[in-house]
Amino acid sequence: MNAVSITLIGVIGSGLISAFFVMIRMMASRFDRLEDKFEQFEDKVDGVVGEVHALEIRLTDKFTGELKNLEARLTDKFTGAFKAQGERIDRVYDVLRLHGERLARIEFKLDIDPPAEAA
């Protein structure tokens, strides 16, 4: 029985060692496939990051253009409004100046001394 038990132990032991090596090879191949999938995932993530970056650049350019357009429109609008207001003020000033000159001529003609507050 000794020879039979030694043979059985040898066969079972070598079977276990063979199974261990087969399992190690299977795990190595699974790790390789997992690495390949991870690299594919990394490539997809890099592609998405690139698309997000491109979208950010397009949005930044679009918003910058819109802001510049709005700034130009507002500048034109307010410049025009201020210019028109300035022209109105100039017209009022001219009317008041002409009125003052007219009053001065009338006072001179009538030899009226202007009131003390006007001096």
N, C-alpha and C. Protein backbone atom coordinates (compact mmCIF):
# COMPACT_ATOMS: atom_id res chain seq x y z
N MET A 1 0.79 -1.20 0.00
CA MET A 1 0.00 0.00 0.00
C MET A 1 0.83 1.26 0.00
N ASN A 2 1.99 1.06 0.44
CA ASN A 2 2.85 2.23 0.44
C ASN A 2 3.09 2.75 -0.97
N ALA A 3 3.36 1.90 -1.87
CA ALA A 3 3.63 2.33 -3.24
C ALA A 3 2.38 2.95 -3.86
N VAL A 4 1.22 2.36 -3.57
CA VAL A 4 -0.02 2.88 -4.12
C VAL A 4 -0.30 4.27 -3.54
N SER A 5 -0.14 4.44 -2.22
CA SER A 5 -0.39 5.74 -1.62
C SER A 5 0.61 6.77 -2.12
N ILE A 6 1.84 6.40 -2.28
CA ILE A 6 2.84 7.35 -2.78
C ILE A 6 2.49 7.75 -4.21
N THR A 7 2.05 6.81 -5.02
CA THR A 7 1.67 7.10 -6.40
C THR A 7 0.45 8.03 -6.42
N LEU A 8 -0.55 7.71 -5.60
CA LEU A 8 -1.74 8.56 -5.54
C LEU A 8 -1.39 9.98 -5.07
N ILE A 9 -0.57 10.06 -4.04
CA ILE A 9 -0.16 11.37 -3.54
C ILE A 9 0.61 12.11 -4.64
N GLY A 10 1.45 11.44 -5.38
CA GLY A 10 2.22 12.06 -6.46
C GLY A 10 1.32 12.56 -7.58
N VAL A 11 0.35 11.70 -7.96
CA VAL A 11 -0.55 12.07 -9.04
C VAL A 11 -1.43 13.26 -8.61
N ILE A 12 -2.00 13.16 -7.40
CA ILE A 12 -2.85 14.25 -6.91
C ILE A 12 -2.02 15.53 -6.74
N GLY A 13 -0.82 15.42 -6.20
CA GLY A 13 0.06 16.57 -6.02
C GLY A 13 0.42 17.22 -7.35
N SER A 14 0.79 16.39 -8.34
CA SER A 14 1.14 16.96 -9.64
C SER A 14 -0.10 17.55 -10.31
N GLY A 15 -1.27 16.95 -10.09
CA GLY A 15 -2.52 17.51 -10.62
C GLY A 15 -2.81 18.88 -10.00
N LEU A 16 -2.61 18.99 -8.68
CA LEU A 16 -2.82 20.26 -7.99
C LEU A 16 -1.84 21.32 -8.48
N ILE A 17 -0.58 20.91 -8.66
CA ILE A 17 0.42 21.87 -9.15
C ILE A 17 0.08 22.29 -10.58
N SER A 18 -0.39 21.34 -11.42
CA SER A 18 -0.78 21.67 -12.80
C SER A 18 -1.99 22.62 -12.78
N ALA A 19 -2.95 22.31 -11.90
CA ALA A 19 -4.13 23.18 -11.81
C ALA A 19 -3.72 24.59 -11.35
N PHE A 20 -2.75 24.66 -10.41
CA PHE A 20 -2.26 25.96 -9.94
C PHE A 20 -1.64 26.75 -11.09
N PHE A 21 -0.81 26.12 -11.92
CA PHE A 21 -0.19 26.82 -13.04
C PHE A 21 -1.22 27.23 -14.10
N VAL A 22 -2.20 26.34 -14.35
CA VAL A 22 -3.27 26.69 -15.30
C VAL A 22 -4.04 27.90 -14.79
N MET A 23 -4.34 27.91 -13.47
CA MET A 23 -5.07 29.04 -12.90
C MET A 23 -4.24 30.33 -12.99
N ILE A 24 -2.94 30.23 -12.76
CA ILE A 24 -2.06 31.41 -12.87
C ILE A 24 -2.07 31.93 -14.30
N ARG A 25 -2.01 31.05 -15.29
CA ARG A 25 -2.03 31.48 -16.70
C ARG A 25 -3.37 32.12 -17.05
N MET A 26 -4.48 31.53 -16.53
CA MET A 26 -5.80 32.11 -16.78
C MET A 26 -5.90 33.51 -16.17
N MET A 27 -5.40 33.66 -14.95
CA MET A 27 -5.44 34.96 -14.30
C MET A 27 -4.59 35.98 -15.07
N ALA A 28 -3.44 35.54 -15.57
CA ALA A 28 -2.58 36.45 -16.34
C ALA A 28 -3.30 36.90 -17.61
N SER A 29 -3.98 35.95 -18.29
CA SER A 29 -4.69 36.34 -19.52
C SER A 29 -5.87 37.26 -19.19
N ARG A 30 -6.54 37.01 -18.07
CA ARG A 30 -7.63 37.90 -17.67
C ARG A 30 -7.10 39.30 -17.35
N PHE A 31 -5.97 39.36 -16.68
CA PHE A 31 -5.38 40.67 -16.40
C PHE A 31 -4.99 41.39 -17.69
N ASP A 32 -4.48 40.63 -18.67
CA ASP A 32 -4.14 41.24 -19.96
C ASP A 32 -5.39 41.81 -20.64
N ARG A 33 -6.47 41.02 -20.63
CA ARG A 33 -7.71 41.51 -21.23
C ARG A 33 -8.24 42.72 -20.46
N LEU A 34 -8.11 42.69 -19.15
CA LEU A 34 -8.55 43.82 -18.34
C LEU A 34 -7.72 45.07 -18.65
N GLU A 35 -6.42 44.90 -18.83
CA GLU A 35 -5.56 46.03 -19.22
C GLU A 35 -5.97 46.58 -20.58
N ASP A 36 -6.28 45.66 -21.52
CA ASP A 36 -6.72 46.12 -22.85
C ASP A 36 -8.01 46.93 -22.75
N LYS A 37 -8.96 46.43 -21.96
CA LYS A 37 -10.22 47.16 -21.79
C LYS A 37 -9.98 48.49 -21.10
N PHE A 38 -9.07 48.52 -20.13
CA PHE A 38 -8.77 49.77 -19.45
C PHE A 38 -8.14 50.77 -20.42
N GLU A 39 -7.26 50.30 -21.30
CA GLU A 39 -6.66 51.18 -22.30
C GLU A 39 -7.72 51.72 -23.26
N GLN A 40 -8.66 50.86 -23.66
CA GLN A 40 -9.76 51.32 -24.51
C GLN A 40 -10.59 52.37 -23.78
N PHE A 41 -10.86 52.12 -22.50
CA PHE A 41 -11.62 53.07 -21.69
C PHE A 41 -10.85 54.39 -21.57
N GLU A 42 -9.53 54.30 -21.36
CA GLU A 42 -8.70 55.51 -21.29
C GLU A 42 -8.78 56.29 -22.59
N ASP A 43 -8.74 55.58 -23.72
CA ASP A 43 -8.84 56.25 -25.02
C ASP A 43 -10.19 56.96 -25.17
N LYS A 44 -11.26 56.28 -24.72
CA LYS A 44 -12.59 56.90 -24.80
C LYS A 44 -12.66 58.12 -23.89
N VAL A 45 -12.10 58.01 -22.70
CA VAL A 45 -12.11 59.15 -21.77
C VAL A 45 -11.30 60.30 -22.36
N ASP A 46 -10.15 59.99 -22.95
CA ASP A 46 -9.36 61.05 -23.59
C ASP A 46 -10.14 61.70 -24.72
N GLY A 47 -10.89 60.91 -25.48
CA GLY A 47 -11.71 61.47 -26.55
C GLY A 47 -12.80 62.39 -26.01
N VAL A 48 -13.44 61.96 -24.92
CA VAL A 48 -14.48 62.79 -24.31
C VAL A 48 -13.87 64.07 -23.75
N VAL A 49 -12.72 63.97 -23.12
CA VAL A 49 -12.05 65.16 -22.59
C VAL A 49 -11.70 66.12 -23.73
N GLY A 50 -11.23 65.58 -24.85
CA GLY A 50 -10.93 66.42 -26.01
C GLY A 50 -12.17 67.11 -26.54
N GLU A 51 -13.29 66.36 -26.60
CA GLU A 51 -14.54 66.96 -27.09
C GLU A 51 -15.02 68.05 -26.13
N VAL A 52 -14.91 67.80 -24.83
CA VAL A 52 -15.32 68.81 -23.85
C VAL A 52 -14.45 70.05 -23.98
N HIS A 53 -13.16 69.85 -24.18
CA HIS A 53 -12.25 70.99 -24.35
C HIS A 53 -12.60 71.78 -25.61
N ALA A 54 -12.88 71.07 -26.70
CA ALA A 54 -13.27 71.75 -27.94
C ALA A 54 -14.58 72.51 -27.76
N LEU A 55 -15.52 71.90 -27.04
CA LEU A 55 -16.79 72.57 -26.77
C LEU A 55 -16.57 73.81 -25.91
N GLU A 56 -15.69 73.70 -24.93
CA GLU A 56 -15.37 74.85 -24.08
C GLU A 56 -14.80 75.99 -24.92
N ILE A 57 -13.91 75.66 -25.83
CA ILE A 57 -13.30 76.68 -26.69
C ILE A 57 -14.37 77.32 -27.57
N ARG A 58 -15.26 76.50 -28.17
CA ARG A 58 -16.31 77.05 -29.02
C ARG A 58 -17.25 77.94 -28.22
N LEU A 59 -17.63 77.49 -27.03
CA LEU A 59 -18.53 78.30 -26.20
C LEU A 59 -17.86 79.59 -25.76
N THR A 60 -16.58 79.49 -25.39
CA THR A 60 -15.85 80.69 -24.98
C THR A 60 -15.79 81.69 -26.14
N ASP A 61 -15.48 81.19 -27.33
CA ASP A 61 -15.43 82.07 -28.50
C ASP A 61 -16.80 82.68 -28.79
N LYS A 62 -17.85 81.85 -28.68
CA LYS A 62 -19.19 82.35 -28.96
C LYS A 62 -19.59 83.42 -27.95
N PHE A 63 -19.37 83.14 -26.65
CA PHE A 63 -19.75 84.11 -25.63
C PHE A 63 -18.89 85.36 -25.72
N THR A 64 -17.62 85.21 -26.04
CA THR A 64 -16.76 86.39 -26.20
C THR A 64 -17.25 87.24 -27.36
N GLY A 65 -17.60 86.59 -28.47
CA GLY A 65 -18.13 87.33 -29.62
C GLY A 65 -19.44 88.02 -29.28
N GLU A 66 -20.33 87.31 -28.57
CA GLU A 66 -21.61 87.91 -28.19
C GLU A 66 -21.40 89.10 -27.26
N LEU A 67 -20.47 88.95 -26.31
CA LEU A 67 -20.20 90.05 -25.38
C LEU A 67 -19.62 91.26 -26.11
N LYS A 68 -18.72 91.01 -27.04
CA LYS A 68 -18.15 92.13 -27.81
C LYS A 68 -19.23 92.80 -28.65
N ASN A 69 -20.12 92.00 -29.24
CA ASN A 69 -21.21 92.54 -30.04
C ASN A 69 -22.13 93.38 -29.16
N LEU A 70 -22.46 92.86 -27.99
CA LEU A 70 -23.33 93.60 -27.06
C LEU A 70 -22.66 94.89 -26.61
N GLU A 71 -21.35 94.79 -26.32
CA GLU A 71 -20.62 95.99 -25.90
C GLU A 71 -20.63 97.05 -27.01
N ALA A 72 -20.41 96.61 -28.24
CA ALA A 72 -20.41 97.55 -29.36
C ALA A 72 -21.79 98.19 -29.54
N ARG A 73 -22.85 97.36 -29.44
CA ARG A 73 -24.20 97.90 -29.59
C ARG A 73 -24.52 98.90 -28.49
N LEU A 74 -24.17 98.54 -27.24
CA LEU A 74 -24.44 99.45 -26.13
C LEU A 74 -23.63 100.73 -26.25
N THR A 75 -22.38 100.59 -26.66
CA THR A 75 -21.53 101.77 -26.83
C THR A 75 -22.12 102.69 -27.89
N ASP A 76 -22.53 102.10 -29.01
CA ASP A 76 -23.15 102.91 -30.08
C ASP A 76 -24.43 103.57 -29.58
N LYS A 77 -25.23 102.81 -28.85
CA LYS A 77 -26.51 103.35 -28.38
C LYS A 77 -26.28 104.50 -27.40
N PHE A 78 -25.41 104.27 -26.41
CA PHE A 78 -25.19 105.31 -25.42
C PHE A 78 -24.41 106.50 -25.99
N THR A 79 -23.49 106.23 -26.90
CA THR A 79 -22.76 107.33 -27.52
C THR A 79 -23.74 108.20 -28.31
N GLY A 80 -24.64 107.54 -29.04
CA GLY A 80 -25.65 108.30 -29.79
C GLY A 80 -26.56 109.08 -28.86
N ALA A 81 -26.97 108.44 -27.75
CA ALA A 81 -27.86 109.12 -26.80
C ALA A 81 -27.14 110.31 -26.16
N PHE A 82 -25.89 110.12 -25.77
CA PHE A 82 -25.14 111.22 -25.14
C PHE A 82 -24.88 112.34 -26.15
N LYS A 83 -24.63 111.95 -27.39
CA LYS A 83 -24.40 112.96 -28.42
C LYS A 83 -25.68 113.76 -28.64
N ALA A 84 -26.81 113.06 -28.72
CA ALA A 84 -28.09 113.76 -28.92
C ALA A 84 -28.38 114.66 -27.71
N GLN A 85 -28.10 114.16 -26.51
CA GLN A 85 -28.32 114.97 -25.31
C GLN A 85 -27.41 116.19 -25.33
N GLY A 86 -26.18 116.01 -25.74
CA GLY A 86 -25.24 117.13 -25.84
C GLY A 86 -25.72 118.16 -26.85
N GLU A 87 -26.27 117.67 -27.98
CA GLU A 87 -26.79 118.61 -28.98
C GLU A 87 -27.98 119.39 -28.41
N ARG A 88 -28.84 118.71 -27.64
CA ARG A 88 -29.98 119.41 -27.02
C ARG A 88 -29.49 120.46 -26.03
N ILE A 89 -28.50 120.11 -25.24
CA ILE A 89 -27.96 121.07 -24.27
C ILE A 89 -27.35 122.26 -25.00
N ASP A 90 -26.63 121.99 -26.10
CA ASP A 90 -26.05 123.08 -26.88
C ASP A 90 -27.14 124.00 -27.43
N ARG A 91 -28.25 123.42 -27.91
CA ARG A 91 -29.35 124.25 -28.43
C ARG A 91 -29.96 125.10 -27.32
N VAL A 92 -30.17 124.49 -26.13
CA VAL A 92 -30.72 125.26 -25.00
C VAL A 92 -29.75 126.37 -24.62
N TYR A 93 -28.46 126.06 -24.59
CA TYR A 93 -27.46 127.07 -24.26
C TYR A 93 -27.49 128.21 -25.27
N ASP A 94 -27.59 127.87 -26.56
CA ASP A 94 -27.65 128.91 -27.59
C ASP A 94 -28.89 129.78 -27.42
N VAL A 95 -30.04 129.16 -27.13
CA VAL A 95 -31.27 129.93 -26.94
C VAL A 95 -31.12 130.85 -25.73
N LEU A 96 -30.58 130.31 -24.63
CA LEU A 96 -30.39 131.13 -23.43
C LEU A 96 -29.40 132.26 -23.68
N ARG A 97 -28.33 131.98 -24.42
CA ARG A 97 -27.35 133.01 -24.73
C ARG A 97 -27.98 134.11 -25.58
N LEU A 98 -28.74 133.71 -26.60
CA LEU A 98 -29.42 134.69 -27.45
C LEU A 98 -30.43 135.51 -26.64
N HIS A 99 -31.14 134.82 -25.75
CA HIS A 99 -32.10 135.53 -24.91
C HIS A 99 -31.39 136.53 -24.00
N GLY A 100 -30.27 136.13 -23.42
CA GLY A 100 -29.49 137.02 -22.57
C GLY A 100 -28.97 138.22 -23.33
N GLU A 101 -28.48 138.00 -24.56
CA GLU A 101 -28.01 139.11 -25.39
C GLU A 101 -29.16 140.07 -25.72
N ARG A 102 -30.31 139.48 -26.03
CA ARG A 102 -31.48 140.30 -26.33
C ARG A 102 -31.88 141.15 -25.12
N LEU A 103 -31.89 140.53 -23.95
CA LEU A 103 -32.22 141.25 -22.73
C LEU A 103 -31.23 142.37 -22.47
N ALA A 104 -29.95 142.08 -22.70
CA ALA A 104 -28.92 143.11 -22.49
C ALA A 104 -29.13 144.27 -23.43
N ARG A 105 -29.48 143.99 -24.69
CA ARG A 105 -29.72 145.07 -25.65
C ARG A 105 -30.94 145.89 -25.24
N ILE A 106 -32.00 145.20 -24.79
CA ILE A 106 -33.20 145.91 -24.36
C ILE A 106 -32.90 146.80 -23.16
N GLU A 107 -32.17 146.25 -22.19
CA GLU A 107 -31.83 147.03 -21.00
C GLU A 107 -30.96 148.22 -21.36
N PHE A 108 -30.04 148.02 -22.29
CA PHE A 108 -29.18 149.13 -22.71
C PHE A 108 -30.00 150.20 -23.42
N LYS A 109 -30.90 149.76 -24.29
CA LYS A 109 -31.71 150.69 -25.07
C LYS A 109 -32.63 151.50 -24.14
N LEU A 110 -33.20 150.83 -23.14
CA LEU A 110 -34.10 151.51 -22.22
C LEU A 110 -33.35 152.18 -21.07
N ASP A 111 -32.04 152.02 -21.04
CA ASP A 111 -31.19 152.59 -19.99
C ASP A 111 -31.67 152.13 -18.60
N ILE A 112 -31.86 150.80 -18.51
CA ILE A 112 -32.29 150.20 -17.25
C ILE A 112 -31.07 149.53 -16.63
N ASP A 113 -30.91 149.81 -15.34
CA ASP A 113 -29.82 149.13 -14.64
C ASP A 113 -30.30 147.72 -14.30
N PRO A 114 -29.47 146.72 -14.59
CA PRO A 114 -29.89 145.36 -14.24
C PRO A 114 -29.97 145.22 -12.71
N PRO A 115 -30.79 144.31 -12.23
CA PRO A 115 -30.87 144.12 -10.80
C PRO A 115 -29.53 143.63 -10.23
N ALA A 116 -29.36 143.86 -8.96
CA ALA A 116 -28.11 143.49 -8.30
C ALA A 116 -27.83 142.00 -8.36
N GLU A 117 -28.88 141.20 -8.38
CA GLU A 117 -28.68 139.74 -8.43
C GLU A 117 -28.09 139.29 -9.76
N ALA A 118 -28.32 140.02 -10.83
CA ALA A 118 -27.84 139.61 -12.16
C ALA A 118 -26.36 139.89 -12.32
N ALA A 119 -25.80 140.79 -11.51
CA ALA A 119 -24.40 141.16 -11.65
C ALA A 119 -23.49 140.16 -11.09
